[in-house]
Protein backbone atom coordinates (compact mmCIF):
# COMPACT_ATOMS: atom_id res chain seq x y z
CA UNK A 1 145.76 267.08 206.73
CA UNK A 2 143.68 266.45 209.90
CA UNK A 3 142.22 263.39 208.73
CA UNK A 4 146.11 262.45 207.75
CA UNK A 5 147.10 263.29 211.29
CA UNK A 6 144.06 260.86 212.96
CA UNK A 7 144.71 258.28 210.95
CA UNK A 8 148.85 258.74 212.31
CA UNK A 9 147.74 259.01 215.35
CA UNK A 10 145.54 256.16 215.26
CA UNK A 11 148.59 253.81 214.04
CA UNK A 12 150.94 255.29 216.62
CA UNK A 13 148.36 254.26 219.40
CA UNK A 14 147.70 250.25 218.04
CA UNK A 15 151.46 250.14 217.63
CA UNK A 16 151.66 250.83 221.43
CA UNK A 17 148.44 248.73 222.42
CA UNK A 18 150.06 245.62 220.83
CA UNK A 19 153.87 246.15 222.68
CA UNK A 20 152.08 247.08 225.99
CA UNK A 21 150.00 243.90 225.11
CA UNK A 22 152.86 241.64 224.07
CA UNK A 23 154.67 242.93 227.22
CA UNK A 24 151.90 241.58 229.80
CA UNK A 25 151.44 238.57 227.77
CA UNK A 26 155.61 237.64 227.89
CA UNK A 27 156.15 239.10 231.36
CA UNK A 28 155.77 235.94 233.89
CA UNK A 29 157.36 233.01 234.46
CA UNK A 30 160.87 233.08 233.46
CA UNK A 31 164.13 230.82 234.45
CA UNK A 32 166.65 233.18 235.71
CA UNK A 33 170.00 230.46 235.79
CA UNK A 34 170.22 226.80 234.75
CA UNK A 35 172.82 225.28 237.34
CA UNK A 36 173.98 222.02 235.63
CA UNK A 37 177.40 221.31 235.97
CA UNK A 38 179.73 220.54 232.81
CA UNK A 39 181.80 217.88 234.90
CA UNK A 40 180.55 215.72 237.48
CA UNK A 41 182.93 212.80 239.03
CA UNK A 42 180.73 208.90 238.88
CA UNK A 43 179.09 208.17 241.63
CA UNK A 44 179.22 211.46 243.36
CA UNK A 45 176.06 213.21 244.19
CA UNK A 46 174.65 216.56 241.96
CA UNK A 47 172.02 217.92 241.70
CA UNK A 48 170.54 220.21 238.70
CA UNK A 49 168.85 223.24 239.64
CA UNK A 50 166.56 225.50 237.26
CA UNK A 51 165.93 228.62 239.32
CA UNK A 52 162.89 230.61 238.05
CA UNK A 53 161.02 233.84 239.23
CA UNK A 54 157.12 234.06 238.82
CA UNK A 55 154.27 236.46 239.26
CA UNK A 56 152.56 235.77 242.25
CA UNK A 57 149.21 237.67 241.00
CA UNK A 58 149.31 236.35 237.34
CA UNK A 59 151.18 233.01 237.24
CA UNK A 60 148.84 229.69 238.60
CA UNK A 61 149.35 226.18 237.61
CA UNK A 62 153.30 226.51 237.26
CA UNK A 63 154.63 223.06 236.05
CA UNK A 64 158.83 221.78 235.93
CA UNK A 65 159.27 219.90 233.41
CA UNK A 66 163.30 218.40 233.11
CA UNK A 67 164.15 216.39 229.57
CA UNK A 68 167.31 214.49 228.65
CA UNK A 69 169.12 214.70 225.26
CA UNK A 70 166.58 214.72 222.75
CA UNK A 71 163.16 212.51 224.18
CA UNK A 72 159.79 214.43 223.65
CA UNK A 73 158.92 212.47 227.30
CA UNK A 74 159.93 214.19 230.34
CA UNK A 75 162.44 212.68 232.96
CA UNK A 76 161.07 214.52 236.05
CA UNK A 77 157.53 216.16 236.25
CA UNK A 78 156.30 218.25 239.12
CA UNK A 79 153.68 220.11 239.25
CA UNK A 80 153.40 222.65 241.99
CA UNK A 81 151.72 221.41 245.36
CA UNK A 82 151.71 218.01 244.18
CA UNK A 83 153.76 215.21 244.55
CA UNK A 84 157.60 214.87 241.78
CA UNK A 85 157.45 212.45 239.17
CA UNK A 86 160.27 210.73 237.41
CA UNK A 87 160.34 208.38 234.45
CA UNK A 88 163.22 206.96 232.19
CA UNK A 89 166.30 206.73 232.84
CA UNK A 90 166.38 208.91 235.76
CA UNK A 91 163.66 206.58 237.35
CA UNK A 92 165.49 205.39 240.70
CA UNK A 93 168.21 207.40 240.74
CA UNK A 94 166.71 210.99 242.11
CA UNK A 95 166.22 211.69 246.04
CA UNK A 96 162.26 212.70 245.64
CA UNK A 97 162.28 214.53 249.08
CA UNK A 98 165.13 216.55 248.44
CA UNK A 99 163.78 220.34 248.42
CA UNK A 100 165.60 223.22 247.29
CA UNK A 101 163.42 225.67 248.77
CA UNK A 102 160.03 225.72 251.03
CA UNK A 103 158.15 228.07 248.75
CA UNK A 104 155.36 225.80 247.17
CA UNK A 105 155.41 226.93 243.64
CA UNK A 106 159.58 225.80 243.85
CA UNK A 107 160.29 223.42 245.83
CA UNK A 108 161.07 220.75 243.79
CA UNK A 109 162.67 222.47 240.96
CA UNK A 110 165.98 221.00 241.37
CA UNK A 111 166.85 217.21 240.65
CA UNK A 112 169.33 216.01 243.10
CA UNK A 113 171.21 212.66 241.55
CA UNK A 114 172.14 210.28 244.11
CA UNK A 115 174.18 208.65 241.70
CA UNK A 116 175.14 209.50 238.12
CA UNK A 117 176.68 207.11 235.92
CA UNK A 118 178.09 207.72 232.66
CA UNK A 119 174.89 206.91 231.18
CA UNK A 120 173.67 210.20 232.13
CA UNK A 121 176.24 212.69 230.34
CA UNK A 122 173.96 214.58 227.83
CA UNK A 123 171.97 217.54 227.47
CA UNK A 124 169.55 218.47 229.96
CA UNK A 125 166.83 221.02 229.32
CA UNK A 126 163.99 222.54 232.27
CA UNK A 127 160.82 223.76 230.57
CA UNK A 128 158.83 225.94 233.22
CA UNK A 129 154.84 226.46 232.78
CA UNK A 130 152.16 228.35 234.16
CA UNK A 131 148.64 229.38 232.83
CA UNK A 132 150.14 232.17 231.01
CA UNK A 133 153.49 231.10 229.70
CA UNK A 134 156.76 229.26 229.56
CA UNK A 135 160.50 229.25 229.34
CA UNK A 136 162.73 226.67 228.78
CA UNK A 137 166.46 226.54 228.94
CA UNK A 138 169.60 223.92 227.95
CA UNK A 139 172.47 222.44 229.33
CA UNK A 140 175.67 220.09 229.10
CA UNK A 141 176.66 217.53 231.82
CA UNK A 142 179.37 214.79 231.60
CA UNK A 143 179.73 211.93 234.14
CA UNK A 144 183.04 211.15 233.45
CA UNK A 145 184.96 207.59 235.01
CA UNK A 146 188.63 207.72 236.01
CA UNK A 147 191.13 204.51 234.77
CA UNK A 148 190.27 201.49 237.52
CA UNK A 149 194.32 201.09 236.78
CA UNK A 150 197.40 202.89 234.63
CA UNK A 151 199.84 200.03 233.96
CA UNK A 152 202.53 200.60 232.26
CA UNK A 153 205.58 197.72 231.72
CA UNK A 154 207.86 196.82 229.24
CA UNK A 155 208.62 193.41 227.72
CA UNK A 156 211.77 191.84 225.99
CA UNK A 157 211.49 190.43 222.25
CA UNK A 158 214.82 189.25 221.23
CA UNK A 159 217.91 190.76 221.99
CA UNK A 160 217.99 193.68 220.13
CA UNK A 161 214.23 194.77 220.75
CA UNK A 162 212.88 196.37 223.66
CA UNK A 163 208.05 196.57 223.35
CA UNK A 164 206.94 199.12 225.93
CA UNK A 165 202.95 198.76 227.15
CA UNK A 166 200.92 200.94 228.86
CA UNK A 167 196.67 200.17 229.89
CA UNK A 168 194.18 201.08 231.25
CA UNK A 169 190.33 199.85 231.59
CA UNK A 170 187.13 201.79 232.32
CA UNK A 171 186.99 205.28 231.28
CA UNK A 172 184.53 207.58 230.51
CA UNK A 173 184.31 209.62 228.13
CA UNK A 174 186.51 208.04 225.24
CA UNK A 175 190.30 209.01 226.57
CA UNK A 176 193.80 209.47 224.52
CA UNK A 177 197.07 208.40 225.31
CA UNK A 178 200.32 208.66 225.02
CA UNK A 179 204.24 207.20 225.16
CA UNK A 180 207.17 209.30 226.42
CA UNK A 181 210.66 208.12 226.22
CA UNK A 182 212.13 210.86 228.30
CA UNK A 183 210.51 213.99 227.79
CA UNK A 184 210.02 213.12 223.68
CA UNK A 185 206.88 210.94 222.01
CA UNK A 186 208.47 207.43 221.43
CA UNK A 187 207.87 207.52 217.33
CA UNK A 188 205.46 204.73 215.96
CA UNK A 189 203.81 204.01 219.18
CA UNK A 190 200.21 202.15 218.78
CA UNK A 191 197.19 203.32 220.12
CA UNK A 192 193.87 201.23 220.45
CA UNK A 193 190.82 201.71 222.42
CA UNK A 194 187.74 199.60 222.34
CA UNK A 195 184.31 199.75 223.83
CA UNK A 196 183.18 197.56 226.71
CA UNK A 197 179.82 197.97 228.74
CA UNK A 198 179.56 201.61 228.08
CA UNK A 199 183.13 202.28 229.07
CA UNK A 200 186.54 202.70 227.30
CA UNK A 201 189.62 200.70 227.11
CA UNK A 202 192.56 201.59 225.82
CA UNK A 203 196.50 200.57 225.43
CA UNK A 204 199.71 201.46 223.85
CA UNK A 205 202.74 199.91 222.89
CA UNK A 206 206.18 200.59 220.98
CA UNK A 207 208.87 198.89 219.78
CA UNK A 208 211.93 200.66 220.63
CA UNK A 209 215.87 199.29 220.19
CA UNK A 210 216.97 197.26 223.12
CA UNK A 211 218.80 199.84 225.41
CA UNK A 212 222.14 199.74 227.20
CA UNK A 213 221.63 202.46 229.73
CA UNK A 214 218.48 203.40 231.84
CA UNK A 215 215.62 205.33 230.67
CA UNK A 216 213.03 207.03 231.84
CA UNK A 217 209.17 205.93 230.50
CA UNK A 218 206.09 207.41 231.14
CA UNK A 219 202.68 207.01 229.76
CA UNK A 220 199.99 210.11 229.85
CA UNK A 221 196.34 209.08 229.90
CA UNK A 222 194.21 212.03 228.98
CA UNK A 223 190.43 212.79 228.86
CA UNK A 224 190.09 216.38 227.05
CA UNK A 225 186.75 216.52 227.82
CA UNK A 226 186.64 215.68 231.31
CA UNK A 227 190.12 218.20 231.88
CA UNK A 228 192.01 214.77 233.30
CA UNK A 229 195.50 213.68 233.04
CA UNK A 230 196.85 211.16 234.74
CA UNK A 231 200.63 210.07 233.69
CA UNK A 232 202.63 207.38 235.20
CA UNK A 233 206.13 207.27 235.26
CA UNK A 234 209.68 204.07 235.04
CA UNK A 235 212.74 204.21 234.78
CA UNK A 236 213.95 201.33 233.25
CA UNK A 237 217.08 199.72 233.90
CA UNK A 238 218.67 197.18 231.29
CA UNK A 239 220.26 194.02 232.69
CA UNK A 240 219.81 192.73 236.30
CA UNK A 241 219.86 195.02 238.98
CA UNK A 242 221.11 192.84 242.43
CA UNK A 243 218.72 190.06 243.78
CA UNK A 244 215.32 192.39 244.25
CA UNK A 245 214.82 193.30 240.79
CA UNK A 246 214.74 190.98 237.89
CA UNK A 247 216.51 190.93 234.44
CA UNK A 248 215.15 193.52 232.42
CA UNK A 249 212.54 195.04 234.84
CA UNK A 250 211.47 198.38 236.24
CA UNK A 251 213.08 199.83 239.31
CA UNK A 252 210.98 202.94 240.27
CA UNK A 253 207.39 203.82 239.47
CA UNK A 254 206.25 207.29 240.18
CA UNK A 255 202.27 207.83 239.70
CA UNK A 256 201.34 211.51 239.15
CA UNK A 257 198.05 211.86 240.07
CA UNK A 258 195.98 215.26 241.34
CA UNK A 259 196.70 213.78 244.82
CA UNK A 260 200.24 214.11 244.57
CA UNK A 261 203.27 211.47 244.25
CA UNK A 262 203.73 208.20 244.93
CA UNK A 263 207.10 206.08 244.76
CA UNK A 264 207.03 203.00 244.57
CA UNK A 265 210.22 200.47 244.68
CA UNK A 266 210.39 197.01 242.31
């Protein structure tokens, strides 16, 4: 019985020692919070911060590395007390003088991207390591590009058909578009998207029977990933309206956006 108890306590002591050892090893440099905006606007400076803590008496040789997507080579590396290094897609696009704190072990942990473009959309991984251990976290960022313009117009095709067209250029990421007549989506509308130089051009068109009375049309452009929507509206008046309006033209245009409503008279 005594032998059994001795073996039991020996096994317990070994297990406790292993637990203490593992705790001692794993407690060290640790990422507390990775701050990467989910969505940012093209050209607007943005900061990606990797907030971490460490044990002053144990952690030495702290190194911060940032990775982009699945690349094995870091796009940014900072060895504490030395100058940061930037590589790959971020080269020439960072403010290397930026410091998030005055502590020598965390001063240049963050990325200050001065002019983000759509090509910088993707996953960002921060890896912090010391002589004792390392920790990493990953978050995604989308750099969205709004349309250069949103154009809504109509054309007569013969006497019986009216074609409504809407188009937008230079959008990122891939957008959606819909045409509406009144409050209902126009049946049979055709939407086409083309990629050009990393951005997207989108068009929507629909043929409807020629109108005999005024009707409101609208075009809605959406970028779901950026939670972005813009709409352009127009009232179509069949035939001529005075001398200032061309036949079969639009009389009023209303552009709806986050900044308000603007009315343009034709």
